[in-house]
Amino acid sequence: MQDEPGTGLHPADIDKLIAQLQGLVHAGNTVILVEHGLRVAAASNWVKRRPPW
């Protein structure tokens, strides 16, 4: 579980982050993220939106 791992990263680094996360998933791991960045969310298999408080 990670909280906004893409925050503050250069776009090229976000691509590397996505590749690493996808590698974890392909290896059979479950990856849970809290992320506001649309690039990372778009690469996800599932998106769960939590309503605002």
PDB file of N, CA and C in Angstrom:
ATOM      1  N   MET A   1       0.852  -1.162   0.000  1.00  0.00           N
ATOM      2  CA  MET A   1       0.000   0.000   0.000  1.00  0.00           C
ATOM      3  C   MET A   1       0.903   1.230   0.000  1.00  0.00           C
ATOM      4  N   GLN A   2       0.604   2.155  -0.870  1.00  0.00           N
ATOM      5  CA  GLN A   2       1.375   3.398  -0.951  1.00  0.00           C
ATOM      6  C   GLN A   2       0.417   4.578  -1.079  1.00  0.00           C
ATOM      7  N   ASP A   3       0.829   5.689  -0.495  1.00  0.00           N
ATOM      8  CA  ASP A   3       0.037   6.903  -0.527  1.00  0.00           C
ATOM      9  C   ASP A   3       0.678   7.893  -1.485  1.00  0.00           C
ATOM     10  N   GLU A   4       0.046   8.103  -2.621  1.00  0.00           N
ATOM     11  CA  GLU A   4       0.454   9.044  -3.652  1.00  0.00           C
ATOM     12  C   GLU A   4       1.933   8.918  -4.038  1.00  0.00           C
ATOM     13  N   PRO A   5       2.330   7.763  -4.558  1.00  0.00           N
ATOM     14  CA  PRO A   5       3.742   7.581  -4.909  1.00  0.00           C
ATOM     15  C   PRO A   5       4.205   8.453  -6.074  1.00  0.00           C
ATOM     16  N   GLY A   6       3.285   8.970  -6.880  1.00  0.00           N
ATOM     17  CA  GLY A   6       3.665   9.787  -8.029  1.00  0.00           C
ATOM     18  C   GLY A   6       3.812  11.264  -7.727  1.00  0.00           C
ATOM     19  N   THR A   7       3.512  11.677  -6.509  1.00  0.00           N
ATOM     20  CA  THR A   7       3.560  13.101  -6.169  1.00  0.00           C
ATOM     21  C   THR A   7       4.973  13.651  -6.292  1.00  0.00           C
ATOM     22  N   GLY A   8       5.122  14.713  -7.066  1.00  0.00           N
ATOM     23  CA  GLY A   8       6.404  15.393  -7.204  1.00  0.00           C
ATOM     24  C   GLY A   8       7.355  14.765  -8.202  1.00  0.00           C
ATOM     25  N   LEU A   9       6.935  13.704  -8.864  1.00  0.00           N
ATOM     26  CA  LEU A   9       7.821  13.045  -9.819  1.00  0.00           C
ATOM     27  C   LEU A   9       7.727  13.687 -11.199  1.00  0.00           C
ATOM     28  N   HIS A  10       8.831  13.659 -11.906  1.00  0.00           N
ATOM     29  CA  HIS A  10       8.880  14.088 -13.305  1.00  0.00           C
ATOM     30  C   HIS A  10       8.051  13.090 -14.121  1.00  0.00           C
ATOM     31  N   PRO A  11       7.402  13.527 -15.202  1.00  0.00           N
ATOM     32  CA  PRO A  11       6.589  12.609 -16.002  1.00  0.00           C
ATOM     33  C   PRO A  11       7.335  11.343 -16.451  1.00  0.00           C
ATOM     34  N   ALA A  12       8.611  11.457 -16.777  1.00  0.00           N
ATOM     35  CA  ALA A  12       9.382  10.270 -17.168  1.00  0.00           C
ATOM     36  C   ALA A  12       9.523   9.308 -15.993  1.00  0.00           C
ATOM     37  N   ASP A  13       9.638   9.856 -14.790  1.00  0.00           N
ATOM     38  CA  ASP A  13       9.742   9.010 -13.606  1.00  0.00           C
ATOM     39  C   ASP A  13       8.408   8.344 -13.268  1.00  0.00           C
ATOM     40  N   ILE A  14       7.313   9.018 -13.584  1.00  0.00           N
ATOM     41  CA  ILE A  14       5.994   8.414 -13.378  1.00  0.00           C
ATOM     42  C   ILE A  14       5.843   7.194 -14.290  1.00  0.00           C
ATOM     43  N   ASP A  15       6.346   7.283 -15.528  1.00  0.00           N
ATOM     44  CA  ASP A  15       6.311   6.134 -16.430  1.00  0.00           C
ATOM     45  C   ASP A  15       7.087   4.961 -15.835  1.00  0.00           C
ATOM     46  N   LYS A  16       8.235   5.240 -15.237  1.00  0.00           N
ATOM     47  CA  LYS A  16       9.034   4.193 -14.597  1.00  0.00           C
ATOM     48  C   LYS A  16       8.300   3.610 -13.392  1.00  0.00           C
ATOM     49  N   LEU A  17       7.651   4.480 -12.617  1.00  0.00           N
ATOM     50  CA  LEU A  17       6.883   4.027 -11.460  1.00  0.00           C
ATOM     51  C   LEU A  17       5.760   3.089 -11.902  1.00  0.00           C
ATOM     52  N   ILE A  18       5.028   3.478 -12.938  1.00  0.00           N
ATOM     53  CA  ILE A  18       3.934   2.653 -13.450  1.00  0.00           C
ATOM     54  C   ILE A  18       4.471   1.295 -13.902  1.00  0.00           C
ATOM     55  N   ALA A  19       5.601   1.289 -14.586  1.00  0.00           N
ATOM     56  CA  ALA A  19       6.187   0.022 -15.041  1.00  0.00           C
ATOM     57  C   ALA A  19       6.560  -0.863 -13.852  1.00  0.00           C
ATOM     58  N   GLN A  20       7.108  -0.274 -12.803  1.00  0.00           N
ATOM     59  CA  GLN A  20       7.470  -1.047 -11.613  1.00  0.00           C
ATOM     60  C   GLN A  20       6.227  -1.611 -10.927  1.00  0.00           C
ATOM     61  N   LEU A  21       5.199  -0.799 -10.812  1.00  0.00           N
ATOM     62  CA  LEU A  21       3.964  -1.252 -10.179  1.00  0.00           C
ATOM     63  C   LEU A  21       3.309  -2.370 -10.988  1.00  0.00           C
ATOM     64  N   GLN A  22       3.311  -2.228 -12.315  1.00  0.00           N
ATOM     65  CA  GLN A  22       2.746  -3.277 -13.163  1.00  0.00           C
ATOM     66  C   GLN A  22       3.557  -4.564 -13.054  1.00  0.00           C
ATOM     67  N   GLY A  23       4.872  -4.435 -12.880  1.00  0.00           N
ATOM     68  CA  GLY A  23       5.705  -5.608 -12.679  1.00  0.00           C
ATOM     69  C   GLY A  23       5.343  -6.346 -11.402  1.00  0.00           C
ATOM     70  N   LEU A  24       5.047  -5.591 -10.351  1.00  0.00           N
ATOM     71  CA  LEU A  24       4.612  -6.215  -9.098  1.00  0.00           C
ATOM     72  C   LEU A  24       3.306  -6.974  -9.286  1.00  0.00           C
ATOM     73  N   VAL A  25       2.382  -6.372 -10.019  1.00  0.00           N
ATOM     74  CA  VAL A  25       1.086  -7.021 -10.261  1.00  0.00           C
ATOM     75  C   VAL A  25       1.265  -8.285 -11.101  1.00  0.00           C
ATOM     76  N   HIS A  26       2.075  -8.197 -12.143  1.00  0.00           N
ATOM     77  CA  HIS A  26       2.295  -9.361 -13.015  1.00  0.00           C
ATOM     78  C   HIS A  26       2.996 -10.495 -12.271  1.00  0.00           C
ATOM     79  N   ALA A  27       3.715 -10.161 -11.201  1.00  0.00           N
ATOM     80  CA  ALA A  27       4.381 -11.183 -10.385  1.00  0.00           C
ATOM     81  C   ALA A  27       3.420 -11.805  -9.374  1.00  0.00           C
ATOM     82  N   GLY A  28       2.165 -11.366  -9.380  1.00  0.00           N
ATOM     83  CA  GLY A  28       1.160 -11.958  -8.509  1.00  0.00           C
ATOM     84  C   GLY A  28       0.883 -11.187  -7.231  1.00  0.00           C
ATOM     85  N   ASN A  29       1.418  -9.993  -7.118  1.00  0.00           N
ATOM     86  CA  ASN A  29       1.205  -9.174  -5.926  1.00  0.00           C
ATOM     87  C   ASN A  29      -0.033  -8.295  -6.066  1.00  0.00           C
ATOM     88  N   THR A  30      -0.612  -7.940  -4.947  1.00  0.00           N
ATOM     89  CA  THR A  30      -1.699  -6.969  -4.908  1.00  0.00           C
ATOM     90  C   THR A  30      -1.096  -5.619  -4.568  1.00  0.00           C
ATOM     91  N   VAL A  31      -1.399  -4.609  -5.374  1.00  0.00           N
ATOM     92  CA  VAL A  31      -0.874  -3.261  -5.162  1.00  0.00           C
ATOM     93  C   VAL A  31      -2.058  -2.339  -4.910  1.00  0.00           C
ATOM     94  N   ILE A  32      -2.031  -1.649  -3.786  1.00  0.00           N
ATOM     95  CA  ILE A  32      -3.089  -0.701  -3.425  1.00  0.00           C
ATOM     96  C   ILE A  32      -2.455   0.679  -3.303  1.00  0.00           C
ATOM     97  N   LEU A  33      -3.017   1.638  -4.018  1.00  0.00           N
ATOM     98  CA  LEU A  33      -2.488   3.001  -4.009  1.00  0.00           C
ATOM     99  C   LEU A  33      -3.583   3.996  -3.664  1.00  0.00           C
ATOM    100  N   VAL A  34      -3.187   5.053  -3.007  1.00  0.00           N
ATOM    101  CA  VAL A  34      -4.001   6.260  -2.901  1.00  0.00           C
ATOM    102  C   VAL A  34      -3.317   7.241  -3.834  1.00  0.00           C
ATOM    103  N   GLU A  35      -3.983   7.611  -4.906  1.00  0.00           N
ATOM    104  CA  GLU A  35      -3.335   8.426  -5.926  1.00  0.00           C
ATOM    105  C   GLU A  35      -4.329   9.402  -6.526  1.00  0.00           C
ATOM    106  N   HIS A  36      -3.897  10.639  -6.724  1.00  0.00           N
ATOM    107  CA  HIS A  36      -4.734  11.662  -7.340  1.00  0.00           C
ATOM    108  C   HIS A  36      -4.302  11.931  -8.780  1.00  0.00           C
ATOM    109  N   GLY A  37      -3.119  11.438  -9.147  1.00  0.00           N
ATOM    110  CA  GLY A  37      -2.605  11.654 -10.493  1.00  0.00           C
ATOM    111  C   GLY A  37      -3.344  10.798 -11.506  1.00  0.00           C
ATOM    112  N   LEU A  38      -3.856  11.421 -12.550  1.00  0.00           N
ATOM    113  CA  LEU A  38      -4.659  10.711 -13.540  1.00  0.00           C
ATOM    114  C   LEU A  38      -3.847   9.719 -14.356  1.00  0.00           C
ATOM    115  N   ARG A  39      -2.564   9.989 -14.560  1.00  0.00           N
ATOM    116  CA  ARG A  39      -1.736   9.056 -15.338  1.00  0.00           C
ATOM    117  C   ARG A  39      -1.607   7.723 -14.625  1.00  0.00           C
ATOM    118  N   VAL A  40      -1.421   7.768 -13.328  1.00  0.00           N
ATOM    119  CA  VAL A  40      -1.300   6.533 -12.550  1.00  0.00           C
ATOM    120  C   VAL A  40      -2.661   5.851 -12.457  1.00  0.00           C
ATOM    121  N   ALA A  41      -3.699   6.617 -12.220  1.00  0.00           N
ATOM    122  CA  ALA A  41      -5.047   6.040 -12.120  1.00  0.00           C
ATOM    123  C   ALA A  41      -5.458   5.383 -13.442  1.00  0.00           C
ATOM    124  N   ALA A  42      -5.100   5.996 -14.559  1.00  0.00           N
ATOM    125  CA  ALA A  42      -5.463   5.456 -15.867  1.00  0.00           C
ATOM    126  C   ALA A  42      -4.774   4.117 -16.143  1.00  0.00           C
ATOM    127  N   ALA A  43      -3.636   3.869 -15.508  1.00  0.00           N
ATOM    128  CA  ALA A  43      -2.907   2.622 -15.711  1.00  0.00           C
ATOM    129  C   ALA A  43      -3.382   1.519 -14.767  1.00  0.00           C
ATOM    130  N   SER A  44      -4.348   1.826 -13.928  1.00  0.00           N
ATOM    131  CA  SER A  44      -4.822   0.876 -12.925  1.00  0.00           C
ATOM    132  C   SER A  44      -5.840  -0.098 -13.505  1.00  0.00           C
ATOM    133  N   ASN A  45      -5.907  -1.272 -12.893  1.00  0.00           N
ATOM    134  CA  ASN A  45      -6.928  -2.246 -13.274  1.00  0.00           C
ATOM    135  C   ASN A  45      -8.281  -1.885 -12.676  1.00  0.00           C
ATOM    136  N   TRP A  46      -8.270  -1.354 -11.465  1.00  0.00           N
ATOM    137  CA  TRP A  46      -9.491  -0.970 -10.759  1.00  0.00           C
ATOM    138  C   TRP A  46      -9.291   0.406 -10.141  1.00  0.00           C
ATOM    139  N   VAL A  47     -10.349   1.207 -10.159  1.00  0.00           N
ATOM    140  CA  VAL A  47     -10.324   2.510  -9.504  1.00  0.00           C
ATOM    141  C   VAL A  47     -11.522   2.568  -8.566  1.00  0.00           C
ATOM    142  N   LYS A  48     -11.263   2.832  -7.321  1.00  0.00           N
ATOM    143  CA  LYS A  48     -12.324   2.980  -6.314  1.00  0.00           C
ATOM    144  C   LYS A  48     -12.317   4.432  -5.876  1.00  0.00           C
ATOM    145  N   ARG A  49     -13.400   5.100  -6.099  1.00  0.00           N
ATOM    146  CA  ARG A  49     -13.512   6.516  -5.723  1.00  0.00           C
ATOM    147  C   ARG A  49     -14.214   6.625  -4.390  1.00  0.00           C
ATOM    148  N   ARG A  50     -13.592   7.320  -3.477  1.00  0.00           N
ATOM    149  CA  ARG A  50     -14.186   7.542  -2.163  1.00  0.00           C
ATOM    150  C   ARG A  50     -14.869   8.897  -2.167  1.00  0.00           C
ATOM    151  N   PRO A  51     -16.092   8.963  -1.701  1.00  0.00           N
ATOM    152  CA  PRO A  51     -16.780  10.265  -1.674  1.00  0.00           C
ATOM    153  C   PRO A  51     -16.120  11.210  -0.677  1.00  0.00           C
ATOM    154  N   PRO A  52     -16.210  12.496  -0.922  1.00  0.00           N
ATOM    155  CA  PRO A  52     -15.642  13.451   0.037  1.00  0.00           C
ATOM    156  C   PRO A  52     -16.400  13.423   1.365  1.00  0.00           C
ATOM    157  N   TRP A  53     -15.735  13.805   2.399  1.00  0.00           N
ATOM    158  CA  TRP A  53     -16.341  13.819   3.730  1.00  0.00           C
ATOM    159  C   TRP A  53     -17.299  14.945   3.845  1.00  0.00           C
TER     160      TRP A  53
END
